[in-house]
Amino acid sequence: MDPSVLGWLLVIITINSAGGFLNYELNRCDFNSTEPKDIEFIRSQFYNKLEIFRFSSSLGKFVGYTEYGVKQAEYFNKDTSYIAGLKADKERYCLNNVGNDYRNMLTKSGELIVS
């Protein structure tokens, strides 16, 4: 099993719905080992299942995927204290928990059942 699949470790979803529209944020840790350089914290903002923008600890900044998302990314990238806080989230969310989850996943084995 590819360890990067385990990136769903710490999923925090905040859902706000109004008038049938769905807005949510997803925080996750993607990793393929317990080494800090191999761990990436990602915070994504979605609107109606479309990713608008995201912060990546590997890049150290926000990236926009829509016209609105690009504007939001530019705005958030100017806020150095917010960026520093998100970089710290890598340690708070990921580094403190990945080791435990990584070990637990590697020690689990099971029989593949095909129906």
PDB file of N, CA and C in Angstrom:
ATOM      1  N   MET A   1       0.837  -1.171   0.000  1.00  0.00           N
ATOM      2  CA  MET A   1       0.000   0.000   0.000  1.00  0.00           C
ATOM      3  C   MET A   1       0.887   1.240   0.000  1.00  0.00           C
ATOM      4  N   ASP A   2       0.592   2.173  -0.847  1.00  0.00           N
ATOM      5  CA  ASP A   2       1.343   3.412  -0.949  1.00  0.00           C
ATOM      6  C   ASP A   2       1.053   4.267   0.288  1.00  0.00           C
ATOM      7  N   PRO A   3       2.070   4.591   1.083  1.00  0.00           N
ATOM      8  CA  PRO A   3       1.824   5.357   2.311  1.00  0.00           C
ATOM      9  C   PRO A   3       1.197   6.719   2.065  1.00  0.00           C
ATOM     10  N   SER A   4       1.354   7.289   0.868  1.00  0.00           N
ATOM     11  CA  SER A   4       0.745   8.596   0.623  1.00  0.00           C
ATOM     12  C   SER A   4      -0.771   8.513   0.645  1.00  0.00           C
ATOM     13  N   VAL A   5      -1.307   7.298   0.473  1.00  0.00           N
ATOM     14  CA  VAL A   5      -2.746   7.109   0.574  1.00  0.00           C
ATOM     15  C   VAL A   5      -3.209   7.416   1.995  1.00  0.00           C
ATOM     16  N   LEU A   6      -2.288   7.312   2.919  1.00  0.00           N
ATOM     17  CA  LEU A   6      -2.622   7.570   4.315  1.00  0.00           C
ATOM     18  C   LEU A   6      -2.761   9.067   4.610  1.00  0.00           C
ATOM     19  N   GLY A   7      -2.726   9.873   3.571  1.00  0.00           N
ATOM     20  CA  GLY A   7      -2.820  11.315   3.713  1.00  0.00           C
ATOM     21  C   GLY A   7      -4.128  11.798   4.316  1.00  0.00           C
ATOM     22  N   TRP A   8      -5.073  10.928   4.474  1.00  0.00           N
ATOM     23  CA  TRP A   8      -6.354  11.293   5.071  1.00  0.00           C
ATOM     24  C   TRP A   8      -6.295  11.262   6.586  1.00  0.00           C
ATOM     25  N   LEU A   9      -5.094  11.334   7.132  1.00  0.00           N
ATOM     26  CA  LEU A   9      -4.898  11.234   8.576  1.00  0.00           C
ATOM     27  C   LEU A   9      -5.803  12.154   9.386  1.00  0.00           C
ATOM     28  N   LEU A  10      -5.536  13.388   9.260  1.00  0.00           N
ATOM     29  CA  LEU A  10      -6.184  14.373  10.119  1.00  0.00           C
ATOM     30  C   LEU A  10      -7.110  15.258   9.295  1.00  0.00           C
ATOM     31  N   VAL A  11      -8.258  14.753   9.021  1.00  0.00           N
ATOM     32  CA  VAL A  11      -9.189  15.498   8.179  1.00  0.00           C
ATOM     33  C   VAL A  11     -10.130  16.298   9.067  1.00  0.00           C
ATOM     34  N   ILE A  12     -10.070  17.583   8.882  1.00  0.00           N
ATOM     35  CA  ILE A  12     -10.952  18.466   9.630  1.00  0.00           C
ATOM     36  C   ILE A  12     -11.813  19.206   8.622  1.00  0.00           C
ATOM     37  N   ILE A  13     -13.084  18.967   8.702  1.00  0.00           N
ATOM     38  CA  ILE A  13     -13.985  19.577   7.728  1.00  0.00           C
ATOM     39  C   ILE A  13     -14.966  20.500   8.445  1.00  0.00           C
ATOM     40  N   THR A  14     -15.023  21.707   7.982  1.00  0.00           N
ATOM     41  CA  THR A  14     -15.998  22.652   8.476  1.00  0.00           C
ATOM     42  C   THR A  14     -16.986  22.907   7.352  1.00  0.00           C
ATOM     43  N   ILE A  15     -18.231  22.624   7.622  1.00  0.00           N
ATOM     44  CA  ILE A  15     -19.232  22.747   6.564  1.00  0.00           C
ATOM     45  C   ILE A  15     -20.191  23.886   6.911  1.00  0.00           C
ATOM     46  N   ASN A  16     -20.353  24.760   5.965  1.00  0.00           N
ATOM     47  CA  ASN A  16     -21.329  25.839   6.068  1.00  0.00           C
ATOM     48  C   ASN A  16     -22.223  25.746   4.848  1.00  0.00           C
ATOM     49  N   SER A  17     -23.504  25.646   5.057  1.00  0.00           N
ATOM     50  CA  SER A  17     -24.392  25.606   3.904  1.00  0.00           C
ATOM     51  C   SER A  17     -25.447  26.692   4.048  1.00  0.00           C
ATOM     52  N   ALA A  18     -25.727  27.347   2.955  1.00  0.00           N
ATOM     53  CA  ALA A  18     -26.744  28.389   2.923  1.00  0.00           C
ATOM     54  C   ALA A  18     -27.286  28.455   1.504  1.00  0.00           C
ATOM     55  N   GLY A  19     -28.570  28.348   1.379  1.00  0.00           N
ATOM     56  CA  GLY A  19     -29.189  28.460   0.063  1.00  0.00           C
ATOM     57  C   GLY A  19     -28.756  27.366  -0.892  1.00  0.00           C
ATOM     58  N   GLY A  20     -28.338  26.227  -0.382  1.00  0.00           N
ATOM     59  CA  GLY A  20     -27.966  25.115  -1.238  1.00  0.00           C
ATOM     60  C   GLY A  20     -26.517  25.117  -1.679  1.00  0.00           C
ATOM     61  N   PHE A  21     -25.729  26.100  -1.271  1.00  0.00           N
ATOM     62  CA  PHE A  21     -24.330  26.141  -1.644  1.00  0.00           C
ATOM     63  C   PHE A  21     -23.488  25.570  -0.510  1.00  0.00           C
ATOM     64  N   LEU A  22     -22.399  24.909  -0.868  1.00  0.00           N
ATOM     65  CA  LEU A  22     -21.571  24.236   0.122  1.00  0.00           C
ATOM     66  C   LEU A  22     -20.162  24.816   0.104  1.00  0.00           C
ATOM     67  N   ASN A  23     -19.713  25.279   1.257  1.00  0.00           N
ATOM     68  CA  ASN A  23     -18.372  25.833   1.410  1.00  0.00           C
ATOM     69  C   ASN A  23     -17.690  25.064   2.534  1.00  0.00           C
ATOM     70  N   TYR A  24     -16.500  24.528   2.288  1.00  0.00           N
ATOM     71  CA  TYR A  24     -15.809  23.808   3.350  1.00  0.00           C
ATOM     72  C   TYR A  24     -14.300  23.891   3.188  1.00  0.00           C
ATOM     73  N   GLU A  25     -13.631  23.633   4.309  1.00  0.00           N
ATOM     74  CA  GLU A  25     -12.172  23.672   4.372  1.00  0.00           C
ATOM     75  C   GLU A  25     -11.688  22.283   4.757  1.00  0.00           C
ATOM     76  N   LEU A  26     -10.593  21.863   4.157  1.00  0.00           N
ATOM     77  CA  LEU A  26     -10.046  20.538   4.416  1.00  0.00           C
ATOM     78  C   LEU A  26      -8.573  20.684   4.775  1.00  0.00           C
ATOM     79  N   ASN A  27      -8.200  20.178   5.956  1.00  0.00           N
ATOM     80  CA  ASN A  27      -6.802  20.149   6.385  1.00  0.00           C
ATOM     81  C   ASN A  27      -6.332  18.712   6.327  1.00  0.00           C
ATOM     82  N   ARG A  28      -5.158  18.495   5.750  1.00  0.00           N
ATOM     83  CA  ARG A  28      -4.658  17.118   5.670  1.00  0.00           C
ATOM     84  C   ARG A  28      -3.132  17.101   5.689  1.00  0.00           C
ATOM     85  N   CYS A  29      -2.619  15.908   6.019  1.00  0.00           N
ATOM     86  CA  CYS A  29      -1.182  15.679   6.011  1.00  0.00           C
ATOM     87  C   CYS A  29      -0.900  14.589   4.990  1.00  0.00           C
ATOM     88  N   ASP A  30      -0.077  14.885   4.015  1.00  0.00           N
ATOM     89  CA  ASP A  30       0.359  13.889   3.031  1.00  0.00           C
ATOM     90  C   ASP A  30       1.791  13.508   3.379  1.00  0.00           C
ATOM     91  N   PHE A  31       2.073  12.206   3.408  1.00  0.00           N
ATOM     92  CA  PHE A  31       3.414  11.773   3.770  1.00  0.00           C
ATOM     93  C   PHE A  31       3.713  10.405   3.190  1.00  0.00           C
ATOM     94  N   ASN A  32       5.010  10.112   3.044  1.00  0.00           N
ATOM     95  CA  ASN A  32       5.432   8.775   2.632  1.00  0.00           C
ATOM     96  C   ASN A  32       6.507   8.228   3.552  1.00  0.00           C
ATOM     97  N   SER A  33       6.797   8.948   4.629  1.00  0.00           N
ATOM     98  CA  SER A  33       7.658   8.467   5.707  1.00  0.00           C
ATOM     99  C   SER A  33       7.443   9.382   6.907  1.00  0.00           C
ATOM    100  N   THR A  34       8.087   9.091   8.002  1.00  0.00           N
ATOM    101  CA  THR A  34       7.949   9.935   9.189  1.00  0.00           C
ATOM    102  C   THR A  34       8.977  11.058   9.233  1.00  0.00           C
ATOM    103  N   GLU A  35       9.815  11.159   8.214  1.00  0.00           N
ATOM    104  CA  GLU A  35      10.799  12.236   8.137  1.00  0.00           C
ATOM    105  C   GLU A  35      10.081  13.573   7.874  1.00  0.00           C
ATOM    106  N   PRO A  36      10.412  14.622   8.617  1.00  0.00           N
ATOM    107  CA  PRO A  36       9.746  15.919   8.428  1.00  0.00           C
ATOM    108  C   PRO A  36       9.783  16.428   6.988  1.00  0.00           C
ATOM    109  N   LYS A  37      10.859  16.154   6.254  1.00  0.00           N
ATOM    110  CA  LYS A  37      10.950  16.638   4.871  1.00  0.00           C
ATOM    111  C   LYS A  37       9.965  15.918   3.949  1.00  0.00           C
ATOM    112  N   ASP A  38       9.477  14.746   4.368  1.00  0.00           N
ATOM    113  CA  ASP A  38       8.546  13.969   3.551  1.00  0.00           C
ATOM    114  C   ASP A  38       7.085  14.187   3.940  1.00  0.00           C
ATOM    115  N   ILE A  39       6.838  15.160   4.806  1.00  0.00           N
ATOM    116  CA  ILE A  39       5.482  15.422   5.278  1.00  0.00           C
ATOM    117  C   ILE A  39       5.042  16.785   4.778  1.00  0.00           C
ATOM    118  N   GLU A  40       3.841  16.840   4.242  1.00  0.00           N
ATOM    119  CA  GLU A  40       3.292  18.099   3.727  1.00  0.00           C
ATOM    120  C   GLU A  40       1.936  18.358   4.373  1.00  0.00           C
ATOM    121  N   PHE A  41       1.764  19.561   4.913  1.00  0.00           N
ATOM    122  CA  PHE A  41       0.471  20.002   5.443  1.00  0.00           C
ATOM    123  C   PHE A  41      -0.221  20.796   4.353  1.00  0.00           C
ATOM    124  N   ILE A  42      -1.476  20.463   4.086  1.00  0.00           N
ATOM    125  CA  ILE A  42      -2.237  21.146   3.045  1.00  0.00           C
ATOM    126  C   ILE A  42      -3.576  21.599   3.619  1.00  0.00           C
ATOM    127  N   ARG A  43      -3.903  22.864   3.436  1.00  0.00           N
ATOM    128  CA  ARG A  43      -5.217  23.402   3.802  1.00  0.00           C
ATOM    129  C   ARG A  43      -5.889  23.870   2.519  1.00  0.00           C
ATOM    130  N   SER A  44      -7.003  23.237   2.173  1.00  0.00           N
ATOM    131  CA  SER A  44      -7.730  23.556   0.945  1.00  0.00           C
ATOM    132  C   SER A  44      -9.079  24.168   1.258  1.00  0.00           C
ATOM    133  N   GLN A  45      -9.487  25.117   0.451  1.00  0.00           N
ATOM    134  CA  GLN A  45     -10.799  25.751   0.559  1.00  0.00           C
ATOM    135  C   GLN A  45     -11.617  25.342  -0.668  1.00  0.00           C
ATOM    136  N   PHE A  46     -12.803  24.806  -0.427  1.00  0.00           N
ATOM    137  CA  PHE A  46     -13.670  24.329  -1.503  1.00  0.00           C
ATOM    138  C   PHE A  46     -14.978  25.104  -1.513  1.00  0.00           C
ATOM    139  N   TYR A  47     -15.558  25.215  -2.688  1.00  0.00           N
ATOM    140  CA  TYR A  47     -16.901  25.771  -2.858  1.00  0.00           C
ATOM    141  C   TYR A  47     -17.613  24.892  -3.873  1.00  0.00           C
ATOM    142  N   ASN A  48     -18.695  24.270  -3.443  1.00  0.00           N
ATOM    143  CA  ASN A  48     -19.456  23.358  -4.302  1.00  0.00           C
ATOM    144  C   ASN A  48     -18.555  22.326  -4.981  1.00  0.00           C
ATOM    145  N   LYS A  49     -17.737  21.664  -4.201  1.00  0.00           N
ATOM    146  CA  LYS A  49     -16.846  20.580  -4.620  1.00  0.00           C
ATOM    147  C   LYS A  49     -15.693  21.028  -5.520  1.00  0.00           C
ATOM    148  N   LEU A  50     -15.530  22.326  -5.736  1.00  0.00           N
ATOM    149  CA  LEU A  50     -14.441  22.860  -6.546  1.00  0.00           C
ATOM    150  C   LEU A  50     -13.406  23.480  -5.617  1.00  0.00           C
ATOM    151  N   GLU A  51     -12.143  23.038  -5.742  1.00  0.00           N
ATOM    152  CA  GLU A  51     -11.092  23.617  -4.915  1.00  0.00           C
ATOM    153  C   GLU A  51     -10.790  25.023  -5.419  1.00  0.00           C
ATOM    154  N   ILE A  52     -10.925  25.999  -4.523  1.00  0.00           N
ATOM    155  CA  ILE A  52     -10.737  27.407  -4.876  1.00  0.00           C
ATOM    156  C   ILE A  52      -9.276  27.814  -4.700  1.00  0.00           C
ATOM    157  N   PHE A  53      -8.718  27.505  -3.524  1.00  0.00           N
ATOM    158  CA  PHE A  53      -7.312  27.797  -3.262  1.00  0.00           C
ATOM    159  C   PHE A  53      -6.815  26.859  -2.179  1.00  0.00           C
ATOM    160  N   ARG A  54      -5.477  26.781  -2.035  1.00  0.00           N
ATOM    161  CA  ARG A  54      -4.884  25.910  -1.014  1.00  0.00           C
ATOM    162  C   ARG A  54      -3.567  26.481  -0.520  1.00  0.00           C
ATOM    163  N   PHE A  55      -3.253  26.135   0.730  1.00  0.00           N
ATOM    164  CA  PHE A  55      -1.937  26.408   1.298  1.00  0.00           C
ATOM    165  C   PHE A  55      -1.178  25.097   1.318  1.00  0.00           C
ATOM    166  N   SER A  56       0.066  25.124   0.897  1.00  0.00           N
ATOM    167  CA  SER A  56       0.927  23.952   0.933  1.00  0.00           C
ATOM    168  C   SER A  56       2.169  24.300   1.733  1.00  0.00           C
ATOM    169  N   SER A  57       2.464  23.481   2.755  1.00  0.00           N
ATOM    170  CA  SER A  57       3.665  23.749   3.557  1.00  0.00           C
ATOM    171  C   SER A  57       4.932  23.528   2.737  1.00  0.00           C
ATOM    172  N   SER A  58       4.868  22.717   1.708  1.00  0.00           N
ATOM    173  CA  SER A  58       6.042  22.503   0.855  1.00  0.00           C
ATOM    174  C   SER A  58       6.375  23.762   0.065  1.00  0.00           C
ATOM    175  N   LEU A  59       5.346  24.451  -0.411  1.00  0.00           N
ATOM    176  CA  LEU A  59       5.560  25.704  -1.138  1.00  0.00           C
ATOM    177  C   LEU A  59       5.721  26.884  -0.181  1.00  0.00           C
ATOM    178  N   GLY A  60       5.072  26.780   0.983  1.00  0.00           N
ATOM    179  CA  GLY A  60       5.117  27.869   1.956  1.00  0.00           C
ATOM    180  C   GLY A  60       4.233  29.038   1.590  1.00  0.00           C
ATOM    181  N   LYS A  61       3.231  28.785   0.742  1.00  0.00           N
ATOM    182  CA  LYS A  61       2.331  29.862   0.332  1.00  0.00           C
ATOM    183  C   LYS A  61       1.019  29.278  -0.184  1.00  0.00           C
ATOM    184  N   PHE A  62       0.071  30.188  -0.426  1.00  0.00           N
ATOM    185  CA  PHE A  62      -1.215  29.823  -1.011  1.00  0.00           C
ATOM    186  C   PHE A  62      -1.116  29.828  -2.528  1.00  0.00           C
ATOM    187  N   VAL A  63      -1.911  28.970  -3.145  1.00  0.00           N
ATOM    188  CA  VAL A  63      -2.019  28.917  -4.603  1.00  0.00           C
ATOM    189  C   VAL A  63      -3.501  28.920  -4.939  1.00  0.00           C
ATOM    190  N   GLY A  64      -3.906  29.750  -5.900  1.00  0.00           N
ATOM    191  CA  GLY A  64      -5.299  29.826  -6.313  1.00  0.00           C
ATOM    192  C   GLY A  64      -5.562  28.992  -7.557  1.00  0.00           C
ATOM    193  N   TYR A  65      -6.775  28.412  -7.624  1.00  0.00           N
ATOM    194  CA  TYR A  65      -7.143  27.566  -8.762  1.00  0.00           C
ATOM    195  C   TYR A  65      -8.302  28.129  -9.571  1.00  0.00           C
ATOM    196  N   THR A  66      -8.910  29.187  -9.097  1.00  0.00           N
ATOM    197  CA  THR A  66      -9.956  29.877  -9.841  1.00  0.00           C
ATOM    198  C   THR A  66      -9.607  31.364  -9.833  1.00  0.00           C
ATOM    199  N   GLU A  67     -10.351  32.160 -10.566  1.00  0.00           N
ATOM    200  CA  GLU A  67     -10.088  33.602 -10.590  1.00  0.00           C
ATOM    201  C   GLU A  67     -10.213  34.180  -9.177  1.00  0.00           C
ATOM    202  N   TYR A  68     -11.271  33.812  -8.482  1.00  0.00           N
ATOM    203  CA  TYR A  68     -11.460  34.253  -7.103  1.00  0.00           C
ATOM    204  C   TYR A  68     -10.353  33.690  -6.200  1.00  0.00           C
ATOM    205  N   GLY A  69      -9.993  32.427  -6.401  1.00  0.00           N
ATOM    206  CA  GLY A  69      -8.960  31.785  -5.594  1.00  0.00           C
ATOM    207  C   GLY A  69      -7.600  32.435  -5.744  1.00  0.00           C
ATOM    208  N   VAL A  70      -7.271  32.878  -6.945  1.00  0.00           N
ATOM    209  CA  VAL A  70      -5.996  33.568  -7.178  1.00  0.00           C
ATOM    210  C   VAL A  70      -5.962  34.871  -6.387  1.00  0.00           C
ATOM    211  N   LYS A  71      -7.075  35.600  -6.375  1.00  0.00           N
ATOM    212  CA  LYS A  71      -7.139  36.847  -5.607  1.00  0.00           C
ATOM    213  C   LYS A  71      -7.015  36.577  -4.113  1.00  0.00           C
ATOM    214  N   GLN A  72      -7.693  35.534  -3.634  1.00  0.00           N
ATOM    215  CA  GLN A  72      -7.606  35.166  -2.226  1.00  0.00           C
ATOM    216  C   GLN A  72      -6.187  34.748  -1.863  1.00  0.00           C
ATOM    217  N   ALA A  73      -5.540  33.974  -2.732  1.00  0.00           N
ATOM    218  CA  ALA A  73      -4.169  33.520  -2.475  1.00  0.00           C
ATOM    219  C   ALA A  73      -3.227  34.721  -2.378  1.00  0.00           C
ATOM    220  N   GLU A  74      -3.372  35.675  -3.277  1.00  0.00           N
ATOM    221  CA  GLU A  74      -2.535  36.879  -3.226  1.00  0.00           C
ATOM    222  C   GLU A  74      -2.741  37.624  -1.913  1.00  0.00           C
ATOM    223  N   TYR A  75      -3.998  37.730  -1.499  1.00  0.00           N
ATOM    224  CA  TYR A  75      -4.323  38.426  -0.249  1.00  0.00           C
ATOM    225  C   TYR A  75      -3.696  37.710   0.951  1.00  0.00           C
ATOM    226  N   PHE A  76      -3.899  36.400   1.060  1.00  0.00           N
ATOM    227  CA  PHE A  76      -3.387  35.648   2.208  1.00  0.00           C
ATOM    228  C   PHE A  76      -1.862  35.561   2.207  1.00  0.00           C
ATOM    229  N   ASN A  77      -1.235  35.523   1.042  1.00  0.00           N
ATOM    230  CA  ASN A  77       0.229  35.445   0.978  1.00  0.00           C
ATOM    231  C   ASN A  77       0.906  36.712   1.502  1.00  0.00           C
ATOM    232  N   LYS A  78       0.179  37.822   1.533  1.00  0.00           N
ATOM    233  CA  LYS A  78       0.734  39.077   2.063  1.00  0.00           C
ATOM    234  C   LYS A  78       0.755  39.092   3.590  1.00  0.00           C
ATOM    235  N   ASP A  79      -0.030  38.216   4.204  1.00  0.00           N
ATOM    236  CA  ASP A  79      -0.138  38.172   5.665  1.00  0.00           C
ATOM    237  C   ASP A  79       0.897  37.191   6.225  1.00  0.00           C
ATOM    238  N   THR A  80       2.087  37.707   6.525  1.00  0.00           N
ATOM    239  CA  THR A  80       3.199  36.843   6.930  1.00  0.00           C
ATOM    240  C   THR A  80       2.940  36.123   8.255  1.00  0.00           C
ATOM    241  N   SER A  81       2.194  36.748   9.157  1.00  0.00           N
ATOM    242  CA  SER A  81       1.915  36.076  10.429  1.00  0.00           C
ATOM    243  C   SER A  81       0.958  34.893  10.221  1.00  0.00           C
ATOM    244  N   TYR A  82       0.021  35.025   9.301  1.00  0.00           N
ATOM    245  CA  TYR A  82      -0.901  33.925   8.996  1.00  0.00           C
ATOM    246  C   TYR A  82      -0.140  32.770   8.338  1.00  0.00           C
ATOM    247  N   ILE A  83       0.758  33.093   7.420  1.00  0.00           N
ATOM    248  CA  ILE A  83       1.583  32.078   6.756  1.00  0.00           C
ATOM    249  C   ILE A  83       2.457  31.356   7.792  1.00  0.00           C
ATOM    250  N   ALA A  84       3.044  32.100   8.718  1.00  0.00           N
ATOM    251  CA  ALA A  84       3.874  31.488   9.762  1.00  0.00           C
ATOM    252  C   ALA A  84       3.040  30.539  10.623  1.00  0.00           C
ATOM    253  N   GLY A  85       1.811  30.921  10.922  1.00  0.00           N
ATOM    254  CA  GLY A  85       0.927  30.058  11.694  1.00  0.00           C
ATOM    255  C   GLY A  85       0.593  28.770  10.966  1.00  0.00           C
ATOM    256  N   LEU A  86       0.378  28.860   9.664  1.00  0.00           N
ATOM    257  CA  LEU A  86       0.086  27.664   8.876  1.00  0.00           C
ATOM    258  C   LEU A  86       1.307  26.751   8.776  1.00  0.00           C
ATOM    259  N   LYS A  87       2.484  27.344   8.690  1.00  0.00           N
ATOM    260  CA  LYS A  87       3.706  26.528   8.687  1.00  0.00           C
ATOM    261  C   LYS A  87       3.848  25.795  10.018  1.00  0.00           C
ATOM    262  N   ALA A  88       3.453  26.459  11.105  1.00  0.00           N
ATOM    263  CA  ALA A  88       3.490  25.822  12.423  1.00  0.00           C
ATOM    264  C   ALA A  88       2.451  24.703  12.522  1.00  0.00           C
ATOM    265  N   ASP A  89       1.367  24.800  11.760  1.00  0.00           N
ATOM    266  CA  ASP A  89       0.347  23.752  11.762  1.00  0.00           C
ATOM    267  C   ASP A  89       0.902  22.427  11.257  1.00  0.00           C
ATOM    268  N   LYS A  90       1.918  22.488  10.413  1.00  0.00           N
ATOM    269  CA  LYS A  90       2.547  21.240   9.958  1.00  0.00           C
ATOM    270  C   LYS A  90       3.053  20.455  11.165  1.00  0.00           C
ATOM    271  N   GLU A  91       3.705  21.152  12.085  1.00  0.00           N
ATOM    272  CA  GLU A  91       4.212  20.477  13.284  1.00  0.00           C
ATOM    273  C   GLU A  91       3.072  20.082  14.205  1.00  0.00           C
ATOM    274  N   ARG A  92       2.129  20.979  14.385  1.00  0.00           N
ATOM    275  CA  ARG A  92       1.032  20.734  15.321  1.00  0.00           C
ATOM    276  C   ARG A  92       0.129  19.594  14.850  1.00  0.00           C
ATOM    277  N   TYR A  93      -0.255  19.605  13.579  1.00  0.00           N
ATOM    278  CA  TYR A  93      -1.159  18.582  13.063  1.00  0.00           C
ATOM    279  C   TYR A  93      -0.426  17.319  12.615  1.00  0.00           C
ATOM    280  N   CYS A  94       0.645  17.514  11.892  1.00  0.00           N
ATOM    281  CA  CYS A  94       1.273  16.384  11.204  1.00  0.00           C
ATOM    282  C   CYS A  94       2.389  15.721  12.001  1.00  0.00           C
ATOM    283  N   LEU A  95       3.430  16.467  12.305  1.00  0.00           N
ATOM    284  CA  LEU A  95       4.621  15.866  12.908  1.00  0.00           C
ATOM    285  C   LEU A  95       4.328  15.180  14.236  1.00  0.00           C
ATOM    286  N   ASN A  96       3.380  15.716  14.997  1.00  0.00           N
ATOM    287  CA  ASN A  96       3.062  15.112  16.291  1.00  0.00           C
ATOM    288  C   ASN A  96       2.250  13.829  16.162  1.00  0.00           C
ATOM    289  N   ASN A  97       1.634  13.571  15.014  1.00  0.00           N
ATOM    290  CA  ASN A  97       0.740  12.430  14.881  1.00  0.00           C
ATOM    291  C   ASN A  97       1.144  11.415  13.818  1.00  0.00           C
ATOM    292  N   VAL A  98       1.886  11.838  12.836  1.00  0.00           N
ATOM    293  CA  VAL A  98       2.231  10.944  11.729  1.00  0.00           C
ATOM    294  C   VAL A  98       2.980   9.710  12.200  1.00  0.00           C
ATOM    295  N   GLY A  99       3.922   9.868  13.127  1.00  0.00           N
ATOM    296  CA  GLY A  99       4.688   8.723  13.609  1.00  0.00           C
ATOM    297  C   GLY A  99       3.803   7.632  14.164  1.00  0.00           C
ATOM    298  N   ASN A 100       2.840   8.005  14.990  1.00  0.00           N
ATOM    299  CA  ASN A 100       1.916   7.013  15.559  1.00  0.00           C
ATOM    300  C   ASN A 100       1.073   6.359  14.480  1.00  0.00           C
ATOM    301  N   ASP A 101       0.503   7.161  13.608  1.00  0.00           N
ATOM    302  CA  ASP A 101      -0.358   6.616  12.562  1.00  0.00           C
ATOM    303  C   ASP A 101       0.432   5.768  11.575  1.00  0.00           C
ATOM    304  N   TYR A 102       1.641   6.195  11.256  1.00  0.00           N
ATOM    305  CA  TYR A 102       2.480   5.456  10.321  1.00  0.00           C
ATOM    306  C   TYR A 102       2.800   4.069  10.882  1.00  0.00           C
ATOM    307  N   ARG A 103       3.209   4.016  12.146  1.00  0.00           N
ATOM    308  CA  ARG A 103       3.508   2.731  12.791  1.00  0.00           C
ATOM    309  C   ARG A 103       2.264   1.848  12.853  1.00  0.00           C
ATOM    310  N   ASN A 104       1.127   2.423  13.211  1.00  0.00           N
ATOM    311  CA  ASN A 104      -0.109   1.648  13.309  1.00  0.00           C
ATOM    312  C   ASN A 104      -0.516   1.059  11.964  1.00  0.00           C
ATOM    313  N   MET A 105      -0.354   1.820  10.906  1.00  0.00           N
ATOM    314  CA  MET A 105      -0.731   1.331   9.578  1.00  0.00           C
ATOM    315  C   MET A 105       0.213   0.229   9.104  1.00  0.00           C
ATOM    316  N   LEU A 106       1.490   0.374   9.398  1.00  0.00           N
ATOM    317  CA  LEU A 106       2.451  -0.629   8.945  1.00  0.00           C
ATOM    318  C   LEU A 106       2.327  -1.937   9.706  1.00  0.00           C
ATOM    319  N   THR A 107       1.811  -1.902  10.927  1.00  0.00           N
ATOM    320  CA  THR A 107       1.680  -3.133  11.719  1.00  0.00           C
ATOM    321  C   THR A 107       0.371  -3.848  11.433  1.00  0.00           C
ATOM    322  N   LYS A 108      -0.527  -3.234  10.715  1.00  0.00           N
ATOM    323  CA  LYS A 108      -1.806  -3.871  10.396  1.00  0.00           C
ATOM    324  C   LYS A 108      -1.651  -4.680   9.116  1.00  0.00           C
ATOM    325  N   SER A 109      -2.168  -5.896   9.154  1.00  0.00           N
ATOM    326  CA  SER A 109      -2.175  -6.693   7.947  1.00  0.00           C
ATOM    327  C   SER A 109      -3.504  -7.425   7.893  1.00  0.00           C
ATOM    328  N   GLY A 110      -3.881  -7.782   6.732  1.00  0.00           N
ATOM    329  CA  GLY A 110      -5.158  -8.477   6.577  1.00  0.00           C
ATOM    330  C   GLY A 110      -5.143  -9.260   5.283  1.00  0.00           C
ATOM    331  N   GLU A 111      -6.147 -10.094   5.179  1.00  0.00           N
ATOM    332  CA  GLU A 111      -6.282 -10.927   3.995  1.00  0.00           C
ATOM    333  C   GLU A 111      -7.148 -10.209   2.981  1.00  0.00           C
ATOM    334  N   LEU A 112      -6.684 -10.151   1.760  1.00  0.00           N
ATOM    335  CA  LEU A 112      -7.440  -9.524   0.693  1.00  0.00           C
ATOM    336  C   LEU A 112      -8.588 -10.432   0.289  1.00  0.00           C
ATOM    337  N   ILE A 113      -9.798  -9.895   0.324  1.00  0.00           N
ATOM    338  CA  ILE A 113     -10.983 -10.666  -0.039  1.00  0.00           C
ATOM    339  C   ILE A 113     -11.550 -10.066  -1.319  1.00  0.00           C
ATOM    340  N   VAL A 114     -11.649 -10.863  -2.352  1.00  0.00           N
ATOM    341  CA  VAL A 114     -12.194 -10.418  -3.623  1.00  0.00           C
ATOM    342  C   VAL A 114     -13.514 -11.150  -3.839  1.00  0.00           C
ATOM    343  N   SER A 115     -14.558 -10.386  -4.045  1.00  0.00           N
ATOM    344  CA  SER A 115     -15.854 -11.043  -4.257  1.00  0.00           C
ATOM    345  C   SER A 115     -16.323 -10.942  -5.685  1.00  0.00           C
TER     346      SER A 115
END
